[in-house]
Amino acid sequence: MNIKVLGSGCPTCKNLYEKIKKLSEEGKINAKVEYSSDINDLINEGIMGSPAILIDGKVAKIGNPSDQELNKILGVK
């Protein structure tokens, strides 16, 4: 699974990326995790808010999910 967090570079966006990266490092998800703070990435995806989570190139969430919602989105048991 490829996960990309798109954000503005704000602490909320970076924190979301770090949470997802940690889940991957702990083996709770099998994913390549990337972060982009390039506003053009958001525009190119047609996303008008941030942060955004893309899973395998598809928008999975716009906004900052709770830990419980994040686990559900990523399929963490």
N, C-alpha and C. Protein backbone atom coordinates (compact mmCIF):
# COMPACT_ATOMS: atom_id res chain seq x y z
N MET A 1 0.85 -1.17 0.00
CA MET A 1 0.00 0.00 0.00
C MET A 1 0.90 1.23 0.00
N ASN A 2 0.53 2.22 -0.80
CA ASN A 2 1.24 3.50 -0.83
C ASN A 2 0.34 4.56 -0.21
N ILE A 3 0.85 5.21 0.82
CA ILE A 3 0.10 6.26 1.50
C ILE A 3 0.85 7.57 1.34
N LYS A 4 0.13 8.59 0.93
CA LYS A 4 0.73 9.91 0.79
C LYS A 4 -0.12 10.90 1.58
N VAL A 5 0.54 11.65 2.44
CA VAL A 5 -0.12 12.71 3.19
C VAL A 5 0.22 14.02 2.48
N LEU A 6 -0.81 14.74 2.09
CA LEU A 6 -0.63 16.05 1.48
C LEU A 6 -1.03 17.11 2.48
N GLY A 7 -0.20 18.11 2.64
CA GLY A 7 -0.52 19.15 3.60
C GLY A 7 0.16 20.46 3.26
N SER A 8 -0.06 21.42 4.09
CA SER A 8 0.49 22.75 3.88
C SER A 8 1.84 22.94 4.56
N GLY A 9 2.24 21.95 5.33
CA GLY A 9 3.48 22.08 6.10
C GLY A 9 3.22 22.48 7.54
N CYS A 10 1.95 22.58 7.91
CA CYS A 10 1.59 22.99 9.27
C CYS A 10 1.84 21.83 10.25
N PRO A 11 1.87 22.13 11.54
CA PRO A 11 2.09 21.07 12.54
C PRO A 11 1.05 19.94 12.48
N THR A 12 -0.21 20.27 12.19
CA THR A 12 -1.25 19.24 12.11
C THR A 12 -0.95 18.25 11.00
N CYS A 13 -0.56 18.75 9.85
CA CYS A 13 -0.24 17.90 8.70
C CYS A 13 0.98 17.02 8.99
N LYS A 14 2.00 17.63 9.55
CA LYS A 14 3.22 16.88 9.86
C LYS A 14 2.94 15.82 10.93
N ASN A 15 2.10 16.15 11.90
CA ASN A 15 1.75 15.20 12.96
C ASN A 15 1.01 13.99 12.39
N LEU A 16 0.09 14.24 11.45
CA LEU A 16 -0.64 13.14 10.81
C LEU A 16 0.33 12.23 10.07
N TYR A 17 1.25 12.82 9.34
CA TYR A 17 2.26 12.03 8.63
C TYR A 17 3.07 11.18 9.61
N GLU A 18 3.49 11.78 10.71
CA GLU A 18 4.29 11.06 11.71
C GLU A 18 3.50 9.91 12.32
N LYS A 19 2.20 10.10 12.58
CA LYS A 19 1.36 9.02 13.12
C LYS A 19 1.31 7.84 12.15
N ILE A 20 1.11 8.15 10.87
CA ILE A 20 1.00 7.09 9.87
C ILE A 20 2.35 6.40 9.69
N LYS A 21 3.42 7.18 9.68
CA LYS A 21 4.76 6.61 9.55
C LYS A 21 5.06 5.68 10.72
N LYS A 22 4.66 6.07 11.91
CA LYS A 22 4.87 5.25 13.11
C LYS A 22 4.11 3.93 13.00
N LEU A 23 2.87 3.97 12.52
CA LEU A 23 2.09 2.74 12.34
C LEU A 23 2.80 1.79 11.39
N SER A 24 3.40 2.34 10.35
CA SER A 24 4.14 1.53 9.39
C SER A 24 5.40 0.94 10.03
N GLU A 25 6.14 1.77 10.75
CA GLU A 25 7.37 1.31 11.40
C GLU A 25 7.09 0.25 12.46
N GLU A 26 5.94 0.33 13.11
CA GLU A 26 5.58 -0.65 14.13
C GLU A 26 5.00 -1.94 13.52
N GLY A 27 4.84 -1.95 12.20
CA GLY A 27 4.32 -3.13 11.53
C GLY A 27 2.81 -3.28 11.60
N LYS A 28 2.12 -2.23 12.02
CA LYS A 28 0.66 -2.29 12.11
C LYS A 28 0.00 -2.14 10.74
N ILE A 29 0.73 -1.52 9.80
CA ILE A 29 0.30 -1.45 8.41
C ILE A 29 1.53 -1.73 7.54
N ASN A 30 1.29 -2.31 6.38
CA ASN A 30 2.37 -2.56 5.44
C ASN A 30 2.24 -1.50 4.35
N ALA A 31 3.01 -0.42 4.50
CA ALA A 31 2.84 0.71 3.60
C ALA A 31 4.13 1.49 3.40
N LYS A 32 4.23 2.07 2.22
CA LYS A 32 5.25 3.08 1.94
C LYS A 32 4.56 4.40 2.23
N VAL A 33 5.14 5.21 3.11
CA VAL A 33 4.49 6.44 3.55
C VAL A 33 5.31 7.65 3.07
N GLU A 34 4.62 8.59 2.43
CA GLU A 34 5.26 9.80 1.93
C GLU A 34 4.51 11.03 2.45
N TYR A 35 5.21 12.17 2.41
CA TYR A 35 4.60 13.43 2.80
C TYR A 35 4.96 14.48 1.77
N SER A 36 4.01 15.30 1.40
CA SER A 36 4.27 16.42 0.50
C SER A 36 3.61 17.67 1.05
N SER A 37 4.38 18.73 1.12
CA SER A 37 3.83 20.03 1.51
C SER A 37 3.75 20.96 0.30
N ASP A 38 3.86 20.39 -0.90
CA ASP A 38 3.76 21.17 -2.13
C ASP A 38 2.29 21.43 -2.42
N ILE A 39 1.89 22.68 -2.37
CA ILE A 39 0.49 23.05 -2.58
C ILE A 39 -0.01 22.59 -3.95
N ASN A 40 0.88 22.48 -4.91
CA ASN A 40 0.50 22.02 -6.25
C ASN A 40 -0.01 20.58 -6.23
N ASP A 41 0.49 19.76 -5.31
CA ASP A 41 0.00 18.39 -5.19
C ASP A 41 -1.47 18.38 -4.77
N LEU A 42 -1.83 19.26 -3.84
CA LEU A 42 -3.23 19.38 -3.43
C LEU A 42 -4.09 19.86 -4.60
N ILE A 43 -3.62 20.87 -5.30
CA ILE A 43 -4.36 21.43 -6.42
C ILE A 43 -4.54 20.39 -7.52
N ASN A 44 -3.47 19.66 -7.83
CA ASN A 44 -3.54 18.66 -8.90
C ASN A 44 -4.52 17.53 -8.57
N GLU A 45 -4.72 17.26 -7.30
CA GLU A 45 -5.67 16.22 -6.87
C GLU A 45 -7.08 16.78 -6.74
N GLY A 46 -7.22 18.11 -6.88
CA GLY A 46 -8.54 18.73 -6.75
C GLY A 46 -9.00 18.84 -5.30
N ILE A 47 -8.05 18.85 -4.39
CA ILE A 47 -8.34 18.88 -2.95
C ILE A 47 -8.29 20.33 -2.46
N MET A 48 -9.34 20.73 -1.77
CA MET A 48 -9.44 22.11 -1.30
C MET A 48 -9.16 22.27 0.19
N GLY A 49 -8.71 21.23 0.84
CA GLY A 49 -8.41 21.30 2.27
C GLY A 49 -7.21 20.44 2.60
N SER A 50 -6.71 20.62 3.79
CA SER A 50 -5.59 19.78 4.21
C SER A 50 -5.69 19.53 5.71
N PRO A 51 -5.06 18.49 6.20
CA PRO A 51 -4.30 17.50 5.45
C PRO A 51 -5.22 16.55 4.68
N ALA A 52 -4.63 15.86 3.73
CA ALA A 52 -5.35 14.86 2.96
C ALA A 52 -4.53 13.58 2.96
N ILE A 53 -5.23 12.45 3.03
CA ILE A 53 -4.57 11.14 2.97
C ILE A 53 -4.97 10.50 1.65
N LEU A 54 -3.96 10.12 0.88
CA LEU A 54 -4.19 9.36 -0.36
C LEU A 54 -3.68 7.96 -0.15
N ILE A 55 -4.48 6.98 -0.47
CA ILE A 55 -4.06 5.58 -0.39
C ILE A 55 -4.10 5.02 -1.80
N ASP A 56 -2.94 4.57 -2.26
CA ASP A 56 -2.78 4.06 -3.62
C ASP A 56 -3.37 5.03 -4.65
N GLY A 57 -3.10 6.34 -4.43
CA GLY A 57 -3.49 7.36 -5.38
C GLY A 57 -4.92 7.86 -5.27
N LYS A 58 -5.69 7.32 -4.34
CA LYS A 58 -7.09 7.74 -4.19
C LYS A 58 -7.27 8.44 -2.85
N VAL A 59 -8.04 9.52 -2.87
CA VAL A 59 -8.28 10.29 -1.64
C VAL A 59 -9.09 9.44 -0.67
N ALA A 60 -8.52 9.23 0.52
CA ALA A 60 -9.18 8.44 1.56
C ALA A 60 -9.78 9.33 2.64
N LYS A 61 -9.19 10.50 2.86
CA LYS A 61 -9.66 11.40 3.92
C LYS A 61 -9.11 12.79 3.68
N ILE A 62 -9.97 13.78 3.84
CA ILE A 62 -9.54 15.17 3.87
C ILE A 62 -9.87 15.69 5.26
N GLY A 63 -8.89 16.23 5.92
CA GLY A 63 -9.06 16.69 7.29
C GLY A 63 -8.25 15.82 8.23
N ASN A 64 -8.24 16.21 9.48
CA ASN A 64 -7.43 15.51 10.47
C ASN A 64 -8.30 14.49 11.22
N PRO A 65 -8.13 13.20 10.92
CA PRO A 65 -8.97 12.19 11.58
C PRO A 65 -8.53 11.93 13.02
N SER A 66 -9.49 11.47 13.82
CA SER A 66 -9.14 11.00 15.16
C SER A 66 -8.28 9.75 15.00
N ASP A 67 -7.63 9.33 16.07
CA ASP A 67 -6.82 8.11 16.02
C ASP A 67 -7.68 6.91 15.63
N GLN A 68 -8.89 6.84 16.18
CA GLN A 68 -9.79 5.73 15.89
C GLN A 68 -10.18 5.74 14.41
N GLU A 69 -10.51 6.90 13.87
CA GLU A 69 -10.89 7.00 12.46
C GLU A 69 -9.70 6.67 11.56
N LEU A 70 -8.51 7.14 11.96
CA LEU A 70 -7.30 6.86 11.18
C LEU A 70 -7.05 5.35 11.10
N ASN A 71 -7.18 4.68 12.24
CA ASN A 71 -6.99 3.22 12.24
C ASN A 71 -7.99 2.53 11.34
N LYS A 72 -9.23 3.00 11.32
CA LYS A 72 -10.25 2.40 10.46
C LYS A 72 -9.91 2.64 8.99
N ILE A 73 -9.49 3.85 8.65
CA ILE A 73 -9.13 4.18 7.26
C ILE A 73 -7.99 3.30 6.78
N LEU A 74 -7.02 3.07 7.66
CA LEU A 74 -5.81 2.33 7.28
C LEU A 74 -5.93 0.83 7.49
N GLY A 75 -7.02 0.40 8.10
CA GLY A 75 -7.22 -1.03 8.32
C GLY A 75 -6.41 -1.61 9.45
N VAL A 76 -6.09 -0.77 10.45
CA VAL A 76 -5.35 -1.25 11.61
C VAL A 76 -6.30 -2.02 12.50
N LYS A 77 -5.90 -3.21 12.92
CA LYS A 77 -6.75 -4.04 13.79
C LYS A 77 -6.60 -3.64 15.23
